[in-house]
Amino acid sequence: MSRALLIVDVQNDFTEGGSLGVTGGAAVAAGITRLLDEHADAYDLVVASRDWHDGGNDNGGHISAHPDFVDSWPPHCISGTPGAEYHPALASDRIDVHVKKGQGRPAYSAFEGADDFGKRISEVFQAHGITDVDVVGIATDYCVRASALDAIADGERVRVLTDLIAGVADASSHAALDELAAAGAELASSASVTAAR
């Protein structure tokens, strides 16, 4: 068994004070760093995704001056801006593979992005023999949901660490977790990581 930690979109624009900030985002960033500090040997690979949108266009209708907050959103995570960077409480030096998603089109799942060499997460996981994935990050009801579902579809055993995620809204976040559990994901606390290996 080889386990990866998949960190989804822990970026300034998705944490408190950002253009699409969610409550608890900064705490998620700090909690992930604490997890990596306390259980450095729990993971064979640490992968993190970032929304990485183009400036100067609507990114396939994803970004709008008049967003509906369903299919279109205010400008966020524009490449080269502070909002697109990892939250400072996240220990980005502990990340092995950095994935950017969006880049001119809508993208919610980390599996839609690619690293700096053009490899998608499914290729990276296959190359490292990853069988199990712990998913953490932002936002529970959007990109965490989509990424975890794609990890399940990719064939990994998925565990969502529910104390290291933050959502846009309570109702949709609960619905997302119910959907993930029904799809086969394990919902657990980060305290369970100590027994992972």
N, C-alpha and C. Protein backbone atom coordinates (compact mmCIF):
# COMPACT_ATOMS: atom_id res chain seq x y z
N MET A 1 0.84 -1.19 0.00
CA MET A 1 0.00 0.00 0.00
C MET A 1 0.88 1.24 0.00
N SER A 2 0.60 2.16 -0.90
CA SER A 2 1.27 3.46 -0.92
C SER A 2 0.21 4.55 -0.80
N ARG A 3 0.45 5.47 0.10
CA ARG A 3 -0.57 6.50 0.38
C ARG A 3 -0.08 7.88 -0.02
N ALA A 4 -0.98 8.65 -0.60
CA ALA A 4 -0.71 10.04 -0.94
C ALA A 4 -1.64 10.95 -0.16
N LEU A 5 -1.17 12.14 0.10
CA LEU A 5 -2.01 13.22 0.62
C LEU A 5 -2.30 14.15 -0.54
N LEU A 6 -3.57 14.38 -0.81
CA LEU A 6 -3.98 15.31 -1.86
C LEU A 6 -4.56 16.55 -1.20
N ILE A 7 -3.86 17.66 -1.36
CA ILE A 7 -4.26 18.95 -0.78
C ILE A 7 -4.92 19.76 -1.88
N VAL A 8 -6.18 20.10 -1.68
CA VAL A 8 -6.97 20.75 -2.73
C VAL A 8 -7.12 22.25 -2.44
N ASP A 9 -6.52 23.07 -3.27
CA ASP A 9 -6.82 24.51 -3.38
C ASP A 9 -6.75 25.29 -2.07
N VAL A 10 -5.70 25.08 -1.30
CA VAL A 10 -5.54 25.86 -0.06
C VAL A 10 -4.79 27.14 -0.43
N GLN A 11 -5.56 28.08 -0.97
CA GLN A 11 -5.03 29.31 -1.57
C GLN A 11 -5.62 30.53 -0.88
N ASN A 12 -4.91 31.64 -1.03
CA ASN A 12 -5.34 32.87 -0.37
C ASN A 12 -6.74 33.30 -0.75
N ASP A 13 -7.11 33.14 -2.01
CA ASP A 13 -8.44 33.60 -2.43
C ASP A 13 -9.57 32.73 -1.88
N PHE A 14 -9.24 31.53 -1.40
CA PHE A 14 -10.27 30.64 -0.85
C PHE A 14 -10.28 30.63 0.67
N THR A 15 -9.42 31.42 1.28
CA THR A 15 -9.38 31.52 2.74
C THR A 15 -9.88 32.90 3.17
N GLU A 16 -10.04 33.09 4.45
CA GLU A 16 -10.62 34.33 4.96
C GLU A 16 -9.91 35.55 4.38
N GLY A 17 -10.71 36.50 3.89
CA GLY A 17 -10.17 37.71 3.29
C GLY A 17 -9.95 37.61 1.79
N GLY A 18 -10.06 36.42 1.23
CA GLY A 18 -9.89 36.24 -0.21
C GLY A 18 -11.16 36.52 -0.96
N SER A 19 -11.07 36.57 -2.27
CA SER A 19 -12.23 36.93 -3.09
C SER A 19 -13.36 35.91 -3.00
N LEU A 20 -13.02 34.66 -2.68
CA LEU A 20 -14.03 33.61 -2.46
C LEU A 20 -13.70 32.87 -1.16
N GLY A 21 -13.34 33.61 -0.15
CA GLY A 21 -12.89 33.03 1.10
C GLY A 21 -13.98 32.27 1.84
N VAL A 22 -13.61 31.14 2.42
CA VAL A 22 -14.54 30.36 3.23
C VAL A 22 -14.09 30.39 4.69
N THR A 23 -15.05 30.34 5.58
CA THR A 23 -14.74 30.31 7.00
C THR A 23 -14.02 29.02 7.35
N GLY A 24 -12.94 29.16 8.07
CA GLY A 24 -12.16 27.98 8.46
C GLY A 24 -11.03 27.65 7.52
N GLY A 25 -10.88 28.40 6.45
CA GLY A 25 -9.83 28.10 5.47
C GLY A 25 -8.43 28.21 6.04
N ALA A 26 -8.16 29.25 6.82
CA ALA A 26 -6.83 29.42 7.41
C ALA A 26 -6.53 28.30 8.40
N ALA A 27 -7.55 27.88 9.14
CA ALA A 27 -7.36 26.78 10.09
C ALA A 27 -7.05 25.48 9.36
N VAL A 28 -7.66 25.27 8.20
CA VAL A 28 -7.36 24.09 7.39
C VAL A 28 -5.89 24.12 6.97
N ALA A 29 -5.41 25.27 6.51
CA ALA A 29 -4.02 25.39 6.09
C ALA A 29 -3.08 25.03 7.23
N ALA A 30 -3.34 25.60 8.42
CA ALA A 30 -2.49 25.32 9.58
C ALA A 30 -2.59 23.87 10.01
N GLY A 31 -3.80 23.30 9.93
CA GLY A 31 -4.00 21.92 10.32
C GLY A 31 -3.27 20.94 9.41
N ILE A 32 -3.22 21.23 8.11
CA ILE A 32 -2.51 20.36 7.18
C ILE A 32 -1.01 20.40 7.48
N THR A 33 -0.50 21.58 7.76
CA THR A 33 0.92 21.69 8.12
C THR A 33 1.21 20.91 9.40
N ARG A 34 0.32 21.01 10.36
CA ARG A 34 0.50 20.26 11.62
C ARG A 34 0.50 18.75 11.34
N LEU A 35 -0.41 18.30 10.47
CA LEU A 35 -0.46 16.89 10.10
C LEU A 35 0.88 16.45 9.50
N LEU A 36 1.42 17.25 8.60
CA LEU A 36 2.69 16.90 7.95
C LEU A 36 3.84 16.95 8.94
N ASP A 37 3.79 17.86 9.89
CA ASP A 37 4.84 17.94 10.91
C ASP A 37 4.82 16.72 11.83
N GLU A 38 3.62 16.31 12.23
CA GLU A 38 3.49 15.24 13.22
C GLU A 38 3.57 13.85 12.61
N HIS A 39 3.23 13.73 11.34
CA HIS A 39 3.20 12.41 10.69
C HIS A 39 3.90 12.45 9.33
N ALA A 40 5.14 12.89 9.36
CA ALA A 40 5.89 13.06 8.11
C ALA A 40 6.02 11.75 7.34
N ASP A 41 6.03 10.61 8.08
CA ASP A 41 6.24 9.33 7.42
C ASP A 41 4.94 8.65 7.02
N ALA A 42 3.82 9.34 7.18
CA ALA A 42 2.53 8.72 6.87
C ALA A 42 2.24 8.69 5.37
N TYR A 43 2.96 9.49 4.59
CA TYR A 43 2.66 9.61 3.16
C TYR A 43 3.89 9.36 2.30
N ASP A 44 3.66 8.63 1.22
CA ASP A 44 4.71 8.41 0.24
C ASP A 44 4.82 9.56 -0.74
N LEU A 45 3.74 10.35 -0.84
CA LEU A 45 3.68 11.43 -1.81
C LEU A 45 2.70 12.48 -1.32
N VAL A 46 3.08 13.75 -1.47
CA VAL A 46 2.18 14.86 -1.15
C VAL A 46 1.96 15.68 -2.42
N VAL A 47 0.70 15.76 -2.83
CA VAL A 47 0.33 16.48 -4.05
C VAL A 47 -0.62 17.60 -3.67
N ALA A 48 -0.45 18.76 -4.27
CA ALA A 48 -1.36 19.88 -4.00
C ALA A 48 -1.80 20.52 -5.31
N SER A 49 -3.08 20.86 -5.35
CA SER A 49 -3.63 21.54 -6.53
C SER A 49 -3.88 23.01 -6.21
N ARG A 50 -3.85 23.81 -7.26
CA ARG A 50 -4.26 25.21 -7.16
C ARG A 50 -5.11 25.58 -8.36
N ASP A 51 -6.19 26.33 -8.11
CA ASP A 51 -6.87 27.03 -9.19
C ASP A 51 -5.85 28.00 -9.77
N TRP A 52 -5.82 28.11 -11.08
CA TRP A 52 -4.79 28.95 -11.71
C TRP A 52 -5.39 29.53 -12.99
N HIS A 53 -6.16 30.59 -12.82
CA HIS A 53 -6.94 31.14 -13.93
C HIS A 53 -6.20 32.24 -14.67
N ASP A 54 -6.53 32.37 -15.95
CA ASP A 54 -5.94 33.41 -16.78
C ASP A 54 -6.50 34.77 -16.40
N GLY A 55 -5.67 35.77 -16.47
CA GLY A 55 -6.15 37.14 -16.35
C GLY A 55 -6.59 37.65 -17.71
N GLY A 56 -7.57 38.56 -17.72
CA GLY A 56 -7.95 39.20 -18.96
C GLY A 56 -8.97 38.48 -19.80
N ASN A 57 -9.47 37.32 -19.34
CA ASN A 57 -10.57 36.67 -20.06
C ASN A 57 -11.46 35.95 -19.06
N ASP A 58 -12.59 35.43 -19.54
CA ASP A 58 -13.58 34.85 -18.63
C ASP A 58 -13.33 33.38 -18.32
N ASN A 59 -12.20 32.83 -18.83
CA ASN A 59 -11.84 31.44 -18.54
C ASN A 59 -12.98 30.48 -18.84
N GLY A 60 -13.51 30.60 -20.05
CA GLY A 60 -14.57 29.70 -20.49
C GLY A 60 -15.89 29.93 -19.78
N GLY A 61 -16.12 31.16 -19.34
CA GLY A 61 -17.36 31.48 -18.63
C GLY A 61 -17.29 31.26 -17.14
N HIS A 62 -16.15 30.81 -16.64
CA HIS A 62 -15.98 30.50 -15.22
C HIS A 62 -15.92 31.76 -14.36
N ILE A 63 -15.38 32.84 -14.93
CA ILE A 63 -15.21 34.09 -14.20
C ILE A 63 -16.08 35.16 -14.85
N SER A 64 -16.80 35.89 -13.99
CA SER A 64 -17.75 36.87 -14.52
C SER A 64 -17.82 38.09 -13.60
N ALA A 65 -18.08 39.24 -14.21
CA ALA A 65 -18.34 40.45 -13.42
C ALA A 65 -19.72 40.38 -12.77
N HIS A 66 -20.57 39.49 -13.28
CA HIS A 66 -21.92 39.31 -12.72
C HIS A 66 -22.14 37.81 -12.48
N PRO A 67 -21.44 37.24 -11.52
CA PRO A 67 -21.47 35.79 -11.32
C PRO A 67 -22.79 35.30 -10.75
N ASP A 68 -23.11 34.03 -11.09
CA ASP A 68 -24.31 33.42 -10.51
C ASP A 68 -23.97 32.53 -9.32
N PHE A 69 -22.68 32.37 -9.04
CA PHE A 69 -22.20 31.56 -7.91
C PHE A 69 -22.64 30.09 -8.01
N VAL A 70 -22.93 29.67 -9.23
CA VAL A 70 -23.21 28.26 -9.53
C VAL A 70 -22.24 27.79 -10.62
N ASP A 71 -22.28 28.47 -11.75
CA ASP A 71 -21.38 28.16 -12.86
C ASP A 71 -20.37 29.26 -13.14
N SER A 72 -20.62 30.43 -12.59
CA SER A 72 -19.68 31.54 -12.78
C SER A 72 -19.40 32.21 -11.44
N TRP A 73 -18.20 32.79 -11.34
CA TRP A 73 -17.69 33.27 -10.06
C TRP A 73 -16.97 34.59 -10.25
N PRO A 74 -16.81 35.38 -9.19
CA PRO A 74 -15.99 36.59 -9.30
C PRO A 74 -14.54 36.21 -9.62
N PRO A 75 -13.75 37.16 -10.09
CA PRO A 75 -12.34 36.85 -10.35
C PRO A 75 -11.67 36.27 -9.11
N HIS A 76 -10.94 35.18 -9.30
CA HIS A 76 -10.25 34.52 -8.19
C HIS A 76 -9.08 33.71 -8.73
N CYS A 77 -8.06 33.58 -7.93
CA CYS A 77 -6.91 32.73 -8.25
C CYS A 77 -6.36 33.03 -9.65
N ILE A 78 -6.21 34.31 -9.93
CA ILE A 78 -5.64 34.71 -11.21
C ILE A 78 -4.13 34.51 -11.17
N SER A 79 -3.59 33.84 -12.17
CA SER A 79 -2.16 33.52 -12.17
C SER A 79 -1.32 34.78 -11.97
N GLY A 80 -0.33 34.66 -11.12
CA GLY A 80 0.56 35.78 -10.86
C GLY A 80 0.10 36.74 -9.79
N THR A 81 -1.07 36.49 -9.21
CA THR A 81 -1.57 37.37 -8.14
C THR A 81 -1.42 36.68 -6.79
N PRO A 82 -1.37 37.47 -5.70
CA PRO A 82 -1.26 36.86 -4.37
C PRO A 82 -2.41 35.91 -4.05
N GLY A 83 -3.59 36.17 -4.59
CA GLY A 83 -4.74 35.31 -4.33
C GLY A 83 -4.57 33.89 -4.82
N ALA A 84 -3.74 33.69 -5.82
CA ALA A 84 -3.52 32.36 -6.38
C ALA A 84 -2.49 31.55 -5.60
N GLU A 85 -1.75 32.21 -4.73
CA GLU A 85 -0.69 31.52 -4.00
C GLU A 85 -1.25 30.69 -2.85
N TYR A 86 -0.46 29.72 -2.43
CA TYR A 86 -0.83 28.93 -1.27
C TYR A 86 -0.98 29.84 -0.05
N HIS A 87 -1.89 29.49 0.85
CA HIS A 87 -2.02 30.22 2.10
C HIS A 87 -0.69 30.11 2.86
N PRO A 88 -0.25 31.19 3.49
CA PRO A 88 1.07 31.15 4.14
C PRO A 88 1.18 30.14 5.28
N ALA A 89 0.07 29.72 5.86
CA ALA A 89 0.12 28.74 6.94
C ALA A 89 0.34 27.31 6.43
N LEU A 90 0.20 27.12 5.12
CA LEU A 90 0.44 25.81 4.52
C LEU A 90 1.92 25.66 4.22
N ALA A 91 2.53 24.60 4.71
CA ALA A 91 3.96 24.36 4.49
C ALA A 91 4.17 23.86 3.06
N SER A 92 4.26 24.78 2.14
CA SER A 92 4.34 24.41 0.72
C SER A 92 5.65 23.69 0.38
N ASP A 93 6.66 23.83 1.24
CA ASP A 93 7.92 23.14 0.99
C ASP A 93 7.81 21.63 1.23
N ARG A 94 6.70 21.20 1.80
CA ARG A 94 6.48 19.77 2.04
C ARG A 94 5.74 19.11 0.88
N ILE A 95 5.38 19.89 -0.13
CA ILE A 95 4.62 19.38 -1.28
C ILE A 95 5.58 18.84 -2.33
N ASP A 96 5.33 17.60 -2.76
CA ASP A 96 6.19 16.96 -3.77
C ASP A 96 5.78 17.33 -5.19
N VAL A 97 4.47 17.41 -5.43
CA VAL A 97 3.97 17.66 -6.79
C VAL A 97 2.95 18.79 -6.72
N HIS A 98 3.16 19.83 -7.54
CA HIS A 98 2.26 20.98 -7.60
C HIS A 98 1.46 20.92 -8.90
N VAL A 99 0.15 20.97 -8.76
CA VAL A 99 -0.75 20.86 -9.92
C VAL A 99 -1.53 22.16 -10.06
N LYS A 100 -1.61 22.66 -11.29
CA LYS A 100 -2.42 23.85 -11.59
C LYS A 100 -3.60 23.42 -12.44
N LYS A 101 -4.79 23.95 -12.10
CA LYS A 101 -5.98 23.61 -12.86
C LYS A 101 -6.72 24.88 -13.24
N GLY A 102 -7.52 24.78 -14.28
CA GLY A 102 -8.19 25.94 -14.83
C GLY A 102 -7.47 26.39 -16.07
N GLN A 103 -6.65 27.44 -15.93
CA GLN A 103 -5.81 27.93 -17.02
C GLN A 103 -6.60 28.13 -18.31
N GLY A 104 -7.66 28.92 -18.18
CA GLY A 104 -8.44 29.29 -19.36
C GLY A 104 -9.77 28.59 -19.49
N ARG A 105 -10.06 27.66 -18.57
CA ARG A 105 -11.34 26.96 -18.63
C ARG A 105 -11.79 26.60 -17.23
N PRO A 106 -13.07 26.28 -17.05
CA PRO A 106 -13.54 25.86 -15.73
C PRO A 106 -12.88 24.54 -15.33
N ALA A 107 -12.54 24.41 -14.06
CA ALA A 107 -11.99 23.15 -13.55
C ALA A 107 -12.22 23.11 -12.05
N TYR A 108 -12.81 22.05 -11.58
CA TYR A 108 -13.06 21.88 -10.15
C TYR A 108 -12.19 20.78 -9.57
N SER A 109 -12.06 19.66 -10.25
CA SER A 109 -11.28 18.55 -9.73
C SER A 109 -9.79 18.76 -9.96
N ALA A 110 -9.00 18.41 -8.94
CA ALA A 110 -7.55 18.44 -9.09
C ALA A 110 -7.09 17.53 -10.23
N PHE A 111 -7.88 16.51 -10.53
CA PHE A 111 -7.52 15.58 -11.59
C PHE A 111 -7.62 16.21 -12.98
N GLU A 112 -8.21 17.39 -13.08
CA GLU A 112 -8.29 18.10 -14.35
C GLU A 112 -7.03 18.92 -14.62
N GLY A 113 -6.21 19.09 -13.61
CA GLY A 113 -5.01 19.91 -13.75
C GLY A 113 -3.80 19.09 -14.15
N ALA A 114 -2.66 19.75 -14.20
CA ALA A 114 -1.40 19.08 -14.57
C ALA A 114 -0.25 19.75 -13.81
N ASP A 115 0.82 18.98 -13.64
CA ASP A 115 2.00 19.55 -12.99
C ASP A 115 2.82 20.33 -14.02
N ASP A 116 3.99 20.79 -13.60
CA ASP A 116 4.81 21.62 -14.49
C ASP A 116 5.37 20.85 -15.68
N PHE A 117 5.24 19.52 -15.65
CA PHE A 117 5.72 18.69 -16.76
C PHE A 117 4.57 18.18 -17.62
N GLY A 118 3.35 18.68 -17.33
CA GLY A 118 2.19 18.29 -18.11
C GLY A 118 1.54 16.99 -17.68
N LYS A 119 1.99 16.43 -16.55
CA LYS A 119 1.42 15.16 -16.08
C LYS A 119 0.21 15.42 -15.20
N ARG A 120 -0.83 14.64 -15.44
CA ARG A 120 -2.03 14.71 -14.61
C ARG A 120 -1.85 13.85 -13.38
N ILE A 121 -2.69 14.10 -12.37
CA ILE A 121 -2.54 13.39 -11.10
C ILE A 121 -2.65 11.88 -11.28
N SER A 122 -3.54 11.44 -12.14
CA SER A 122 -3.68 9.99 -12.35
C SER A 122 -2.36 9.38 -12.82
N GLU A 123 -1.62 10.10 -13.67
CA GLU A 123 -0.32 9.62 -14.14
C GLU A 123 0.71 9.62 -13.01
N VAL A 124 0.67 10.68 -12.21
CA VAL A 124 1.61 10.80 -11.08
C VAL A 124 1.36 9.68 -10.07
N PHE A 125 0.09 9.44 -9.76
CA PHE A 125 -0.24 8.38 -8.81
C PHE A 125 0.20 7.01 -9.34
N GLN A 126 -0.04 6.79 -10.62
CA GLN A 126 0.34 5.50 -11.21
C GLN A 126 1.86 5.31 -11.14
N ALA A 127 2.60 6.37 -11.45
CA ALA A 127 4.06 6.28 -11.45
C ALA A 127 4.61 5.99 -10.06
N HIS A 128 3.90 6.42 -9.03
CA HIS A 128 4.35 6.22 -7.65
C HIS A 128 3.66 5.04 -6.97
N GLY A 129 2.84 4.31 -7.70
CA GLY A 129 2.17 3.15 -7.13
C GLY A 129 1.19 3.48 -6.03
N ILE A 130 0.56 4.64 -6.13
CA ILE A 130 -0.37 5.09 -5.08
C ILE A 130 -1.66 4.28 -5.14
N THR A 131 -2.05 3.73 -3.99
CA THR A 131 -3.29 2.97 -3.89
C THR A 131 -4.32 3.64 -2.99
N ASP A 132 -3.83 4.49 -2.07
CA ASP A 132 -4.70 5.12 -1.07
C ASP A 132 -4.44 6.62 -1.07
N VAL A 133 -5.51 7.38 -0.95
CA VAL A 133 -5.39 8.84 -0.99
C VAL A 133 -6.20 9.46 0.14
N ASP A 134 -5.54 10.31 0.92
CA ASP A 134 -6.24 11.15 1.89
C ASP A 134 -6.46 12.50 1.24
N VAL A 135 -7.70 12.99 1.29
CA VAL A 135 -8.05 14.26 0.64
C VAL A 135 -8.36 15.30 1.71
N VAL A 136 -7.76 16.48 1.56
CA VAL A 136 -7.99 17.62 2.45
C VAL A 136 -8.08 18.87 1.60
N GLY A 137 -8.58 19.97 2.18
CA GLY A 137 -8.54 21.23 1.46
C GLY A 137 -9.85 21.97 1.38
N ILE A 138 -9.99 22.77 0.31
CA ILE A 138 -11.07 23.73 0.15
C ILE A 138 -11.58 23.67 -1.29
N ALA A 139 -12.82 23.79 -1.54
CA ALA A 139 -13.93 23.83 -0.62
C ALA A 139 -14.63 22.48 -0.65
N THR A 140 -15.11 22.06 0.49
CA THR A 140 -15.73 20.75 0.64
C THR A 140 -16.76 20.47 -0.44
N ASP A 141 -17.62 21.47 -0.68
CA ASP A 141 -18.77 21.28 -1.55
C ASP A 141 -18.48 21.51 -3.03
N TYR A 142 -17.25 21.85 -3.37
CA TYR A 142 -16.90 22.07 -4.76
C TYR A 142 -15.66 21.26 -5.14
N CYS A 143 -14.49 21.82 -4.95
CA CYS A 143 -13.29 21.19 -5.47
C CYS A 143 -12.84 19.97 -4.67
N VAL A 144 -13.07 19.95 -3.35
CA VAL A 144 -12.77 18.75 -2.58
C VAL A 144 -13.68 17.61 -3.04
N ARG A 145 -14.95 17.90 -3.16
CA ARG A 145 -15.92 16.90 -3.62
C ARG A 145 -15.51 16.34 -4.98
N ALA A 146 -15.26 17.22 -5.94
CA ALA A 146 -14.94 16.78 -7.30
C ALA A 146 -13.63 15.99 -7.33
N SER A 147 -12.65 16.42 -6.57
CA SER A 147 -11.35 15.74 -6.56
C SER A 147 -11.46 14.36 -5.93
N ALA A 148 -12.19 14.26 -4.82
CA ALA A 148 -12.34 12.97 -4.15
C ALA A 148 -13.12 11.98 -5.02
N LEU A 149 -14.16 12.47 -5.69
CA LEU A 149 -14.92 11.59 -6.59
C LEU A 149 -14.04 11.09 -7.74
N ASP A 150 -13.19 11.96 -8.26
CA ASP A 150 -12.30 11.53 -9.34
C ASP A 150 -11.24 10.56 -8.85
N ALA A 151 -10.78 10.72 -7.61
CA ALA A 151 -9.82 9.77 -7.05
C ALA A 151 -10.46 8.39 -6.92
N ILE A 152 -11.71 8.36 -6.49
CA ILE A 152 -12.44 7.09 -6.41
C ILE A 152 -12.57 6.47 -7.81
N ALA A 153 -12.96 7.29 -8.78
CA ALA A 153 -13.10 6.81 -10.16
C ALA A 153 -11.77 6.33 -10.73
N ASP A 154 -10.68 6.92 -10.23
CA ASP A 154 -9.34 6.54 -10.70
C ASP A 154 -8.87 5.23 -10.09
N GLY A 155 -9.62 4.74 -9.09
CA GLY A 155 -9.30 3.44 -8.51
C GLY A 155 -8.62 3.48 -7.16
N GLU A 156 -8.40 4.68 -6.61
CA GLU A 156 -7.77 4.76 -5.31
C GLU A 156 -8.80 4.56 -4.19
N ARG A 157 -8.32 4.06 -3.05
CA ARG A 157 -9.13 4.05 -1.84
C ARG A 157 -9.01 5.45 -1.23
N VAL A 158 -10.13 6.08 -1.00
CA VAL A 158 -10.14 7.50 -0.62
C VAL A 158 -10.63 7.67 0.81
N ARG A 159 -9.90 8.48 1.54
CA ARG A 159 -10.29 8.87 2.88
C ARG A 159 -10.31 10.40 2.92
N VAL A 160 -11.44 10.99 3.30
CA VAL A 160 -11.54 12.44 3.44
C VAL A 160 -11.36 12.77 4.91
N LEU A 161 -10.37 13.61 5.19
CA LEU A 161 -10.09 14.00 6.58
C LEU A 161 -10.96 15.20 6.92
N THR A 162 -12.05 14.93 7.60
CA THR A 162 -13.13 15.91 7.73
C THR A 162 -12.79 17.10 8.63
N ASP A 163 -11.74 17.00 9.43
CA ASP A 163 -11.32 18.15 10.23
C ASP A 163 -10.34 19.03 9.47
N LEU A 164 -9.99 18.64 8.25
CA LEU A 164 -9.04 19.42 7.45
C LEU A 164 -9.66 19.83 6.11
N ILE A 165 -10.97 20.09 6.14
CA ILE A 165 -11.67 20.63 4.98
C ILE A 165 -12.55 21.79 5.45
N ALA A 166 -12.89 22.66 4.53
CA ALA A 166 -13.80 23.77 4.83
C ALA A 166 -14.66 24.01 3.61
N GLY A 167 -15.96 24.26 3.84
CA GLY A 167 -16.89 24.40 2.73
C GLY A 167 -17.50 25.78 2.62
N VAL A 168 -18.16 26.00 1.50
CA VAL A 168 -18.83 27.27 1.25
C VAL A 168 -20.08 27.40 2.12
N ALA A 169 -20.88 26.34 2.16
CA ALA A 169 -22.13 26.37 2.92
C ALA A 169 -22.33 25.04 3.63
N ASP A 170 -22.97 25.08 4.79
CA ASP A 170 -23.15 23.87 5.59
C ASP A 170 -23.97 22.81 4.86
N ALA A 171 -25.11 23.22 4.29
CA ALA A 171 -26.00 22.24 3.66
C ALA A 171 -25.32 21.54 2.49
N SER A 172 -24.69 22.30 1.62
CA SER A 172 -24.06 21.69 0.45
C SER A 172 -22.81 20.90 0.84
N SER A 173 -22.15 21.30 1.91
CA SER A 173 -20.98 20.55 2.38
C SER A 173 -21.41 19.21 2.96
N HIS A 174 -22.47 19.20 3.76
CA HIS A 174 -22.99 17.94 4.29
C HIS A 174 -23.44 17.01 3.15
N ALA A 175 -24.10 17.60 2.15
CA ALA A 175 -24.56 16.80 1.00
C ALA A 175 -23.37 16.22 0.25
N ALA A 176 -22.30 17.00 0.12
CA ALA A 176 -21.11 16.51 -0.57
C ALA A 176 -20.49 15.34 0.18
N LEU A 177 -20.41 15.44 1.50
CA LEU A 177 -19.84 14.35 2.29
C LEU A 177 -20.70 13.10 2.23
N ASP A 178 -22.02 13.29 2.24
CA ASP A 178 -22.92 12.15 2.08
C ASP A 178 -22.71 11.47 0.72
N GLU A 179 -22.56 12.28 -0.31
CA GLU A 179 -22.34 11.75 -1.65
C GLU A 179 -21.01 10.98 -1.72
N LEU A 180 -19.97 11.53 -1.10
CA LEU A 180 -18.67 10.87 -1.11
C LEU A 180 -18.71 9.55 -0.36
N ALA A 181 -19.39 9.55 0.79
CA ALA A 181 -19.51 8.31 1.55
C ALA A 181 -20.26 7.25 0.74
N ALA A 182 -21.32 7.66 0.06
CA ALA A 182 -22.09 6.74 -0.76
C ALA A 182 -21.26 6.20 -1.92
N ALA A 183 -20.31 7.01 -2.39
CA ALA A 183 -19.46 6.59 -3.51
C ALA A 183 -18.31 5.69 -3.05
N GLY A 184 -18.14 5.56 -1.73
CA GLY A 184 -17.12 4.66 -1.22
C GLY A 184 -16.00 5.31 -0.45
N ALA A 185 -16.04 6.63 -0.28
CA ALA A 185 -14.99 7.29 0.49
C ALA A 185 -15.19 7.04 1.98
N GLU A 186 -14.10 6.92 2.69
CA GLU A 186 -14.14 6.87 4.15
C GLU A 186 -14.06 8.30 4.68
N LEU A 187 -14.91 8.62 5.62
CA LEU A 187 -14.87 9.93 6.27
C LEU A 187 -14.23 9.74 7.64
N ALA A 188 -13.15 10.44 7.90
CA ALA A 188 -12.40 10.21 9.13
C ALA A 188 -11.74 11.49 9.59
N SER A 189 -11.28 11.48 10.82
CA SER A 189 -10.50 12.57 11.38
C SER A 189 -9.03 12.38 11.04
N SER A 190 -8.28 13.47 11.06
CA SER A 190 -6.83 13.35 10.83
C SER A 190 -6.15 12.54 11.92
N ALA A 191 -6.82 12.36 13.06
CA ALA A 191 -6.25 11.50 14.11
C ALA A 191 -6.08 10.06 13.65
N SER A 192 -6.82 9.66 12.63
CA SER A 192 -6.71 8.29 12.12
C SER A 192 -5.47 8.07 11.28
N VAL A 193 -4.78 9.14 10.93
CA VAL A 193 -3.60 9.02 10.06
C VAL A 193 -2.50 8.22 10.72
N THR A 194 -2.40 8.25 12.02
CA THR A 194 -1.33 7.53 12.70
C THR A 194 -1.39 6.04 12.45
N ALA A 195 -2.58 5.53 12.16
CA ALA A 195 -2.75 4.09 11.90
C ALA A 195 -2.71 3.77 10.41
N ALA A 196 -2.31 4.74 9.60
CA ALA A 196 -2.39 4.55 8.15
C ALA A 196 -1.36 3.56 7.63
N ARG A 197 -0.20 3.44 8.31
CA ARG A 197 0.87 2.63 7.73
C ARG A 197 1.40 1.61 8.71
